[in-house]
Amino acid sequence: MNINHILVAMTEPKSIFLEILLKYFTSKSFKTNKKIISLVGNISEIKKEIKKNNYNIKLNEIMDIRNSKRNYVNLIDIKINKKSSYIDISNYISDCFGKSLSILKKNKKIALFNGPINKKTFLKKKYLGITEYLAKKTNSKDPVMLIYNEKLSVSPITTHLPIKYVSKNIKKSKIIKKVKSINNFFVENFKKKPKIAVLGLNPHCETIEKAGEEQKEILPAIKRLQSEKLKVKGPFSADTFFIKKNIDYYDVVVGMYHDQVLTPLKTLYNFNAINVTIGLPFIRVSPDHGPNISMYGKNKSDPSSIFCAMNFFNKI
């Protein structure tokens, strides 16, 4: 997909996201970025943060995305009710997403980069995460969460699902669909067939039952994918998989649940990773961390995820 414009939905106002974005906009990397970048958020809040840190950033306030300029921080204003409590700020976040989605619907060469959100106050248990929220808003089926790092990426078959529900949601058909989506994403955007490792669910891929999920669902899915010439192997035991020879060889590791693959990836690469949603009508990315309210306003947060995101956008 030929992306020439990045639309940034600011979302959570009490978040480190604006702080680390501004660190990117004052870096040499921004000056060489070939993409146009437009922010959808409250202009007065953005200007206040710029002034507080005495940043020299070229701003371009617009109402129409066609008036955006390269090497400027283009701003599309979203009103925010100053009398709102923090919990009621969900209307502002919804407006940021709503405006962004209306722009994306009309422009095929724009990607979405949204800030992290507080799932408890915004999603209010209606969705497992923003992956599912955006899938619902765009009528997209079978979205895939890919945590991307240029050396190794991971993807959980189940996303923010409580552990007690995981085993019931490990199905052959779901594994096949998600692995195919990941394979197609790499072929389309990086011109390569990725080497994909699939992990088992149970410790050592073993069970005291007659047959576990590995035998019933995971292995049959792998065999089906291999018969279609995808570079897939497994199931591997998760406790010993993330050793150097494996992470050097494979491009993607598909796990059965969220922490099974995100914990080792974050241990390996810290904040140098991004969350990519595959299966939407557009490319969607977010930093691989939360709002981190405890660090809000301190200007000490690590911006690595922003740089990782921008490098990713330039690669595709």
Protein backbone atom coordinates (compact mmCIF):
# COMPACT_ATOMS: atom_id res chain seq x y z
CA MET A 1 0.00 0.00 0.00
CA ASN A 2 1.43 3.37 -1.02
CA ILE A 3 1.06 5.62 2.04
CA ASN A 4 1.84 9.33 1.65
CA HIS A 5 0.09 10.79 4.68
CA ILE A 6 -0.05 9.89 8.39
CA LEU A 7 -3.14 10.96 10.33
CA VAL A 8 -2.48 11.14 14.08
CA ALA A 9 -5.53 10.79 16.36
CA MET A 10 -4.45 12.39 19.64
CA THR A 11 -7.10 10.63 21.80
CA GLU A 12 -6.22 10.54 25.54
CA PRO A 13 -5.35 14.09 26.70
CA LYS A 14 -3.70 13.10 30.00
CA SER A 15 -1.12 10.92 28.31
CA ILE A 16 2.58 10.94 27.48
CA PHE A 17 1.68 10.67 23.78
CA LEU A 18 1.83 14.39 22.95
CA GLU A 19 5.11 14.71 24.86
CA ILE A 20 6.85 11.97 22.89
CA LEU A 21 5.31 13.13 19.60
CA LEU A 22 6.84 16.57 20.11
CA LYS A 23 10.22 14.95 20.77
CA TYR A 24 9.92 13.40 17.32
CA PHE A 25 8.86 16.69 15.69
CA THR A 26 11.99 18.38 17.05
CA SER A 27 14.32 15.61 15.80
CA LYS A 28 16.33 15.29 12.59
CA SER A 29 14.19 12.29 11.64
CA PHE A 30 11.11 14.48 11.21
CA LYS A 31 12.94 16.77 8.78
CA THR A 32 13.76 13.81 6.53
CA ASN A 33 10.36 12.10 6.83
CA LYS A 34 8.82 11.79 3.37
CA LYS A 35 5.27 11.53 4.70
CA ILE A 36 2.87 14.37 5.48
CA ILE A 37 1.76 14.30 9.13
CA SER A 38 -1.52 15.75 10.39
CA LEU A 39 -2.72 15.77 14.00
CA VAL A 40 -6.39 15.43 14.91
CA GLY A 41 -6.78 16.87 18.39
CA ASN A 42 -7.27 19.96 20.49
CA ILE A 43 -5.07 22.72 19.05
CA SER A 44 -4.88 24.77 22.24
CA GLU A 45 -3.59 21.77 24.23
CA ILE A 46 -0.99 21.05 21.56
CA LYS A 47 0.17 24.68 21.44
CA LYS A 48 0.32 24.85 25.23
CA GLU A 49 2.69 21.86 25.36
CA ILE A 50 4.87 23.33 22.60
CA LYS A 51 5.11 26.67 24.40
CA LYS A 52 5.84 25.05 27.78
CA ASN A 53 8.89 23.28 26.32
CA ASN A 54 9.94 26.21 24.11
CA TYR A 55 9.91 24.02 20.97
CA ASN A 56 10.43 25.55 17.54
CA ILE A 57 7.88 23.64 15.45
CA LYS A 58 6.21 24.81 12.23
CA LEU A 59 2.43 24.56 12.62
CA ASN A 60 -0.25 24.62 9.94
CA GLU A 61 -3.84 24.87 11.16
CA ILE A 62 -6.23 23.37 8.61
CA MET A 63 -9.85 22.34 8.19
CA ASP A 64 -9.33 20.35 4.97
CA ILE A 65 -6.75 17.56 4.79
CA ARG A 66 -5.86 18.68 1.26
CA ASN A 67 -4.23 21.80 2.72
CA SER A 68 -1.67 19.80 4.69
CA LYS A 69 2.04 20.53 4.13
CA ARG A 70 5.10 18.30 4.37
CA ASN A 71 7.61 19.19 7.13
CA TYR A 72 4.86 21.03 9.02
CA VAL A 73 2.80 19.73 11.92
CA ASN A 74 -0.65 20.08 10.40
CA LEU A 75 -3.42 20.57 12.97
CA ILE A 76 -7.12 19.70 12.70
CA ASP A 77 -8.96 21.02 15.76
CA ILE A 78 -11.20 18.88 17.97
CA LYS A 79 -13.05 20.77 20.69
CA ILE A 80 -12.69 19.65 24.27
CA ASN A 81 -15.00 20.52 27.15
CA LYS A 82 -12.79 22.03 29.85
CA LYS A 83 -15.46 21.38 32.47
CA SER A 84 -15.35 17.64 31.84
CA SER A 85 -13.94 15.35 34.48
CA TYR A 86 -11.26 12.91 33.34
CA ILE A 87 -13.81 10.06 33.13
CA ASP A 88 -16.08 12.10 30.81
CA ILE A 89 -13.22 12.79 28.39
CA SER A 90 -14.34 9.78 26.36
CA ASN A 91 -16.46 12.12 24.18
CA TYR A 92 -13.28 13.92 23.10
CA ILE A 93 -11.52 10.64 22.31
CA SER A 94 -14.55 9.47 20.33
CA ASP A 95 -14.52 12.74 18.35
CA CYS A 96 -10.80 12.31 17.55
CA PHE A 97 -11.47 8.82 16.20
CA GLY A 98 -14.68 9.89 14.45
CA LYS A 99 -13.02 12.76 12.57
CA SER A 100 -10.04 10.55 11.66
CA LEU A 101 -12.26 7.75 10.34
CA SER A 102 -14.28 10.17 8.20
CA ILE A 103 -11.04 11.41 6.61
CA LEU A 104 -9.68 7.89 6.11
CA LYS A 105 -12.89 6.78 4.42
CA LYS A 106 -12.28 9.28 1.61
CA ASN A 107 -8.50 8.90 1.30
CA LYS A 108 -6.91 5.53 0.50
CA LYS A 109 -3.29 6.69 0.84
CA ILE A 110 -3.58 7.83 4.47
CA ALA A 111 -2.62 5.71 7.49
CA LEU A 112 -3.90 6.10 11.05
CA PHE A 113 -1.57 6.52 14.01
CA ASN A 114 -3.53 6.84 17.25
CA GLY A 115 -2.33 7.60 20.74
CA PRO A 116 -2.81 5.11 23.58
CA ILE A 117 -6.09 5.18 25.49
CA ASN A 118 -7.33 4.18 28.92
CA LYS A 119 -9.46 1.16 28.01
CA LYS A 120 -11.36 1.19 31.28
CA THR A 121 -12.69 4.74 30.87
CA PHE A 122 -13.10 4.82 27.09
CA LEU A 123 -14.10 1.34 25.97
CA LYS A 124 -16.05 0.66 29.19
CA LYS A 125 -15.86 -3.14 28.68
CA LYS A 126 -17.75 -2.93 25.36
CA TYR A 127 -14.65 -3.97 23.38
CA LEU A 128 -11.53 -5.97 24.23
CA GLY A 129 -9.34 -3.19 22.85
CA ILE A 130 -8.93 -0.53 20.15
CA THR A 131 -8.24 -3.33 17.64
CA GLU A 132 -11.82 -4.55 18.08
CA TYR A 133 -13.23 -1.00 18.45
CA LEU A 134 -11.87 0.09 15.06
CA ALA A 135 -12.90 -3.20 13.46
CA LYS A 136 -16.49 -2.56 14.59
CA LYS A 137 -16.42 1.07 13.43
CA THR A 138 -15.20 0.03 9.95
CA ASN A 139 -17.28 -3.17 9.62
CA SER A 140 -14.08 -5.21 9.42
CA LYS A 141 -14.02 -8.91 10.29
CA ASP A 142 -11.13 -10.88 11.78
CA PRO A 143 -8.72 -8.05 12.69
CA VAL A 144 -5.20 -9.12 13.62
CA MET A 145 -2.99 -7.55 16.30
CA LEU A 146 0.64 -7.51 15.17
CA ILE A 147 3.26 -6.12 17.53
CA TYR A 148 5.94 -5.09 15.07
CA ASN A 149 9.68 -4.74 15.47
CA GLU A 150 11.90 -4.79 12.40
CA LYS A 151 13.86 -7.77 13.78
CA LEU A 152 10.97 -9.80 15.19
CA SER A 153 7.20 -9.33 15.36
CA VAL A 154 4.61 -11.18 17.43
CA SER A 155 0.88 -11.73 17.18
CA PRO A 156 -1.56 -13.24 19.72
CA ILE A 157 -4.46 -15.33 18.42
CA THR A 158 -6.58 -13.95 21.29
CA THR A 159 -5.98 -10.30 22.22
CA HIS A 160 -7.04 -8.79 25.57
CA LEU A 161 -9.08 -11.85 26.52
CA PRO A 162 -9.00 -13.05 30.14
CA ILE A 163 -6.96 -16.25 30.52
CA LYS A 164 -9.95 -18.37 31.59
CA TYR A 165 -11.55 -17.84 28.14
CA VAL A 166 -8.45 -18.44 26.03
CA SER A 167 -8.59 -22.22 25.51
CA LYS A 168 -12.19 -22.06 24.25
CA ASN A 169 -11.14 -19.50 21.63
CA ILE A 170 -8.21 -21.45 20.16
CA LYS A 171 -9.68 -22.75 16.91
CA LYS A 172 -8.07 -24.14 13.75
CA SER A 173 -10.03 -21.77 11.51
CA LYS A 174 -9.02 -18.70 13.54
CA ILE A 175 -5.33 -19.65 13.47
CA ILE A 176 -5.44 -20.22 9.70
CA LYS A 177 -7.16 -16.87 9.01
CA LYS A 178 -4.82 -14.85 11.21
CA VAL A 179 -1.61 -16.44 9.95
CA LYS A 180 -2.74 -15.92 6.33
CA SER A 181 -3.49 -12.25 7.09
CA ILE A 182 0.00 -11.80 8.58
CA ASN A 183 1.62 -13.52 5.62
CA ASN A 184 -0.29 -11.35 3.13
CA PHE A 185 0.59 -8.20 5.08
CA PHE A 186 4.33 -8.95 4.86
CA VAL A 187 4.12 -9.88 1.18
CA GLU A 188 2.19 -6.71 0.31
CA ASN A 189 4.21 -4.26 2.40
CA PHE A 190 7.69 -5.78 2.66
CA LYS A 191 7.76 -7.96 -0.48
CA LYS A 192 8.73 -11.08 1.48
CA LYS A 193 7.12 -14.29 2.68
CA PRO A 194 7.71 -14.23 6.43
CA LYS A 195 9.03 -17.20 8.38
CA ILE A 196 6.34 -17.75 11.01
CA ALA A 197 6.64 -19.75 14.24
CA VAL A 198 3.46 -20.87 16.00
CA LEU A 199 3.53 -21.53 19.75
CA GLY A 200 1.51 -24.10 21.65
CA LEU A 201 -0.92 -23.21 24.40
CA ASN A 202 0.02 -25.65 27.17
CA PRO A 203 3.33 -25.88 29.07
CA HIS A 204 5.75 -27.90 26.88
CA CYS A 205 2.82 -28.40 24.44
CA GLU A 206 1.67 -31.22 26.73
CA THR A 207 -1.52 -32.02 28.63
CA ILE A 208 -2.84 -34.63 31.10
CA GLU A 209 -5.90 -34.99 28.86
CA LYS A 210 -6.08 -37.38 25.89
CA ALA A 211 -5.38 -34.53 23.50
CA GLY A 212 -4.71 -30.86 24.06
CA GLU A 213 -5.30 -27.80 21.92
CA GLU A 214 -2.01 -28.49 20.15
CA GLN A 215 -3.28 -31.79 18.74
CA LYS A 216 -6.88 -30.71 18.20
CA GLU A 217 -6.51 -27.22 16.74
CA ILE A 218 -2.97 -25.86 16.43
CA LEU A 219 -1.12 -28.65 14.61
CA PRO A 220 -3.95 -29.21 12.06
CA ALA A 221 -3.91 -25.47 11.33
CA ILE A 222 -0.13 -25.51 10.80
CA LYS A 223 -0.35 -28.50 8.44
CA ARG A 224 -3.07 -26.77 6.44
CA LEU A 225 -0.97 -23.61 6.13
CA GLN A 226 2.11 -25.61 5.13
CA SER A 227 0.08 -27.36 2.42
CA GLU A 228 -0.60 -23.88 0.99
CA LYS A 229 3.15 -23.15 0.86
CA LEU A 230 3.30 -20.73 3.79
CA LYS A 231 6.56 -20.73 5.76
CA VAL A 232 5.03 -21.89 9.04
CA LYS A 233 6.44 -24.23 11.71
CA GLY A 234 5.35 -25.39 15.16
CA PRO A 235 3.82 -25.78 17.60
CA PHE A 236 6.78 -24.74 19.73
CA SER A 237 6.92 -24.75 23.51
CA ALA A 238 6.68 -21.10 24.59
CA ASP A 239 9.03 -21.41 27.57
CA THR A 240 12.09 -22.19 25.44
CA PHE A 241 11.24 -20.53 22.15
CA PHE A 242 12.66 -17.03 22.63
CA ILE A 243 16.33 -17.95 22.41
CA LYS A 244 18.74 -16.22 20.07
CA LYS A 245 18.81 -18.77 17.24
CA ASN A 246 15.00 -18.70 16.99
CA ILE A 247 14.53 -14.94 17.18
CA ASP A 248 17.29 -14.50 14.59
CA TYR A 249 15.66 -17.00 12.22
CA TYR A 250 11.93 -16.20 12.40
CA ASP A 251 10.17 -13.01 11.31
CA VAL A 252 6.94 -13.50 13.28
CA VAL A 253 5.92 -15.50 16.34
CA VAL A 254 2.21 -16.31 16.67
CA GLY A 255 1.14 -17.06 20.23
CA MET A 256 -2.16 -18.17 21.66
CA TYR A 257 -2.70 -15.31 24.12
CA HIS A 258 -1.57 -11.74 24.76
CA ASP A 259 1.16 -12.03 27.42
CA GLN A 260 2.61 -15.24 25.95
CA VAL A 261 4.23 -13.22 23.15
CA LEU A 262 4.10 -9.57 24.28
CA THR A 263 6.06 -10.16 27.49
CA PRO A 264 9.16 -11.59 25.76
CA LEU A 265 9.00 -9.03 22.93
CA LYS A 266 8.89 -6.08 25.34
CA THR A 267 11.71 -7.64 27.35
CA LEU A 268 13.81 -7.92 24.20
CA TYR A 269 13.05 -4.55 22.61
CA ASN A 270 11.56 -2.35 25.36
CA PHE A 271 9.60 0.48 23.67
CA ASN A 272 11.08 -0.11 20.22
CA ALA A 273 7.90 -1.72 18.91
CA ILE A 274 4.47 -0.71 17.63
CA ASN A 275 0.98 -2.16 17.55
CA VAL A 276 -0.27 -2.67 13.97
CA THR A 277 -3.85 -3.68 13.18
CA ILE A 278 -4.13 -5.87 10.08
CA GLY A 279 -7.50 -6.30 8.39
CA LEU A 280 -8.85 -2.74 8.42
CA PRO A 281 -9.48 -0.68 5.24
CA PHE A 282 -6.33 1.29 6.17
CA ILE A 283 -3.04 0.77 7.98
CA ARG A 284 -3.49 1.48 11.70
CA VAL A 285 -0.63 1.84 14.17
CA SER A 286 -0.32 2.83 17.83
CA PRO A 287 2.61 2.94 20.26
CA ASP A 288 3.18 -0.30 22.12
CA HIS A 289 2.52 1.26 25.53
CA GLY A 290 -0.33 2.87 27.44
CA PRO A 291 -1.05 6.52 28.40
CA ASN A 292 1.27 6.21 31.46
CA ILE A 293 -0.59 8.88 33.41
CA SER A 294 1.94 8.69 36.27
CA MET A 295 4.56 10.20 33.91
CA TYR A 296 2.22 12.80 32.40
CA GLY A 297 3.72 16.30 32.37
CA LYS A 298 7.23 15.23 33.42
CA ASN A 299 8.76 15.24 29.92
CA LYS A 300 10.88 12.18 30.75
CA SER A 301 9.21 9.45 28.65
CA ASP A 302 11.03 7.32 26.09
CA PRO A 303 9.93 8.22 22.51
CA SER A 304 11.34 5.05 20.89
CA SER A 305 7.92 3.76 19.88
CA ILE A 306 7.21 6.97 17.91
CA PHE A 307 10.48 6.63 15.98
CA CYS A 308 9.73 2.94 15.38
CA ALA A 309 6.29 3.90 14.00
CA MET A 310 7.65 6.55 11.66
CA ASN A 311 10.38 4.19 10.38
CA PHE A 312 7.66 1.62 9.75
CA PHE A 313 5.50 4.09 7.79
CA ASN A 314 8.49 5.08 5.64
CA LYS A 315 9.26 1.41 4.90
CA ILE A 316 5.77 0.62 3.61
